[in-house]
Protein backbone atom coordinates (compact mmCIF):
# COMPACT_ATOMS: atom_id res chain seq x y z
CA UNK A 1 -34.25 242.93 -32.87
CA UNK A 2 -37.68 243.33 -31.34
CA UNK A 3 -38.03 243.16 -27.60
CA UNK A 4 -37.78 239.50 -26.51
CA UNK A 5 -41.28 239.83 -25.03
CA UNK A 6 -42.61 240.31 -28.56
CA UNK A 7 -40.83 237.26 -30.03
CA UNK A 8 -43.11 234.27 -30.52
CA UNK A 9 -41.54 230.81 -30.76
CA UNK A 10 -43.06 227.44 -31.62
CA UNK A 11 -41.28 224.42 -30.14
CA UNK A 12 -41.97 221.17 -32.02
CA UNK A 13 -40.46 218.36 -29.94
CA UNK A 14 -41.96 214.96 -29.14
CA UNK A 15 -39.83 214.15 -26.09
CA UNK A 16 -41.68 215.71 -23.10
CA UNK A 17 -38.62 216.28 -20.89
CA UNK A 18 -36.68 217.98 -23.70
CA UNK A 19 -39.71 220.06 -24.68
CA UNK A 20 -40.26 221.18 -21.07
CA UNK A 21 -36.59 222.16 -20.70
CA UNK A 22 -36.59 224.18 -23.92
CA UNK A 23 -39.84 225.95 -23.06
CA UNK A 24 -38.67 226.70 -19.51
CA UNK A 25 -35.42 228.26 -20.77
CA UNK A 26 -37.19 230.30 -23.46
CA UNK A 27 -39.85 231.62 -21.08
CA UNK A 28 -37.11 232.55 -18.61
CA UNK A 29 -35.72 234.78 -21.40
CA UNK A 30 -39.19 236.38 -21.79
CA UNK A 31 -40.03 234.79 -25.14
CA UNK A 32 -43.65 233.92 -25.94
CA UNK A 33 -43.65 230.13 -26.37
CA UNK A 34 -46.11 227.60 -27.79
CA UNK A 35 -45.33 223.90 -27.88
CA UNK A 36 -46.46 220.88 -29.89
CA UNK A 37 -45.49 217.22 -29.78
CA UNK A 38 -46.08 216.10 -33.37
CA UNK A 39 -45.70 217.34 -36.92
CA UNK A 40 -49.39 217.66 -37.69
CA UNK A 41 -49.91 219.89 -34.65
CA UNK A 42 -46.91 221.97 -35.74
CA UNK A 43 -48.35 222.57 -39.21
CA UNK A 44 -51.76 223.43 -37.77
CA UNK A 45 -50.15 226.06 -35.51
CA UNK A 46 -47.93 227.41 -38.31
CA UNK A 47 -50.96 227.84 -40.58
CA UNK A 48 -53.14 229.53 -37.96
CA UNK A 49 -50.70 231.71 -36.02
CA UNK A 50 -47.67 233.86 -36.73
CA UNK A 51 -44.32 232.86 -35.21
CA UNK A 52 -40.84 234.36 -35.44
CA UNK A 53 -38.98 231.08 -34.93
CA UNK A 54 -39.70 227.36 -35.13
CA UNK A 55 -37.47 225.11 -33.02
CA UNK A 56 -37.88 221.84 -34.87
CA UNK A 57 -37.02 218.25 -33.99
CA UNK A 58 -36.59 216.15 -37.13
CA UNK A 59 -37.95 212.91 -35.67
CA UNK A 60 -41.51 213.95 -34.92
CA UNK A 61 -44.46 211.57 -35.11
CA UNK A 62 -47.24 212.08 -37.69
CA UNK A 63 -45.13 214.37 -39.92
CA UNK A 64 -41.35 214.50 -39.61
CA UNK A 65 -39.26 217.65 -39.50
CA UNK A 66 -38.04 217.41 -43.10
CA UNK A 67 -41.64 217.12 -44.32
CA UNK A 68 -42.49 220.18 -42.25
CA UNK A 69 -39.63 222.13 -43.87
CA UNK A 70 -40.93 221.15 -47.31
CA UNK A 71 -44.44 222.32 -46.40
CA UNK A 72 -43.11 225.60 -44.97
CA UNK A 73 -41.37 226.25 -48.30
CA UNK A 74 -44.34 225.17 -50.42
CA UNK A 75 -46.79 227.28 -48.43
CA UNK A 76 -44.41 230.28 -48.21
CA UNK A 77 -44.60 230.44 -44.42
CA UNK A 78 -42.23 233.19 -43.30
CA UNK A 79 -40.40 231.83 -40.26
CA UNK A 80 -36.84 231.26 -39.09
CA UNK A 81 -36.17 227.57 -38.41
CA UNK A 82 -33.69 226.19 -35.90
CA UNK A 83 -33.41 222.41 -36.10
CA UNK A 84 -32.66 220.66 -32.81
CA UNK A 85 -32.11 216.98 -33.55
CA UNK A 86 -30.32 213.82 -32.51
CA UNK A 87 -29.59 213.28 -36.21
CA UNK A 88 -25.97 214.37 -36.29
CA UNK A 89 -24.63 212.90 -39.52
CA UNK A 90 -23.39 215.34 -42.12
CA UNK A 91 -26.04 214.21 -44.62
CA UNK A 92 -28.83 215.01 -42.14
CA UNK A 93 -27.43 218.44 -41.32
CA UNK A 94 -26.86 219.22 -45.00
CA UNK A 95 -30.40 218.15 -45.90
CA UNK A 96 -31.83 220.37 -43.17
CA UNK A 97 -30.00 223.41 -44.51
CA UNK A 98 -30.92 222.53 -48.10
CA UNK A 99 -34.59 222.52 -47.13
CA UNK A 100 -34.33 225.96 -45.55
CA UNK A 101 -33.22 225.62 -41.94
CA UNK A 102 -31.42 228.69 -40.63
CA UNK A 103 -29.46 226.83 -37.95
CA UNK A 104 -28.93 223.25 -36.78
CA UNK A 105 -28.03 222.09 -33.28
CA UNK A 106 -27.42 218.44 -32.47
CA UNK A 107 -28.59 216.66 -29.32
CA UNK A 108 -27.47 216.43 -26.66
CA UNK A 109 -27.35 220.21 -26.55
CA UNK A 110 -26.40 222.93 -24.10
CA UNK A 111 -29.46 225.07 -23.23
CA UNK A 112 -27.42 228.27 -23.02
CA UNK A 113 -25.98 227.64 -26.49
CA UNK A 114 -29.52 227.22 -27.81
CA UNK A 115 -30.51 230.61 -26.34
CA UNK A 116 -27.42 232.36 -27.71
CA UNK A 117 -27.86 230.92 -31.20
CA UNK A 118 -31.56 231.72 -31.14
CA UNK A 119 -30.86 235.35 -30.25
CA UNK A 120 -28.23 235.53 -32.99
CA UNK A 121 -30.76 234.13 -35.45
CA UNK A 122 -33.23 236.87 -34.48
CA UNK A 123 -30.74 239.70 -35.11
């Protein structure tokens, strides 16, 4: 794995308090972090910059997380995707993986678990 300081992560989360917590924890681990609050902003960033990981909420305004996954696939954007969502039903989790997610964590979540799973994803 590259040095954590070289890892660039995009956090797409519409809930400000959750987004702030995630970004705080990631920056504390020396990751480079950008954040967006809606799906259109996420796609704009994904098209214009290179990221190693996308932490993706499914219930984003403007363009939801599943639509983003479809666009990532269609546009061949090379990125690992970790879904972080309140949608915890089996059908939602299955759909996320079917559309290309690499991991899926349900809310409420434990910040340290998110960091551990993210690091595992990067290995």
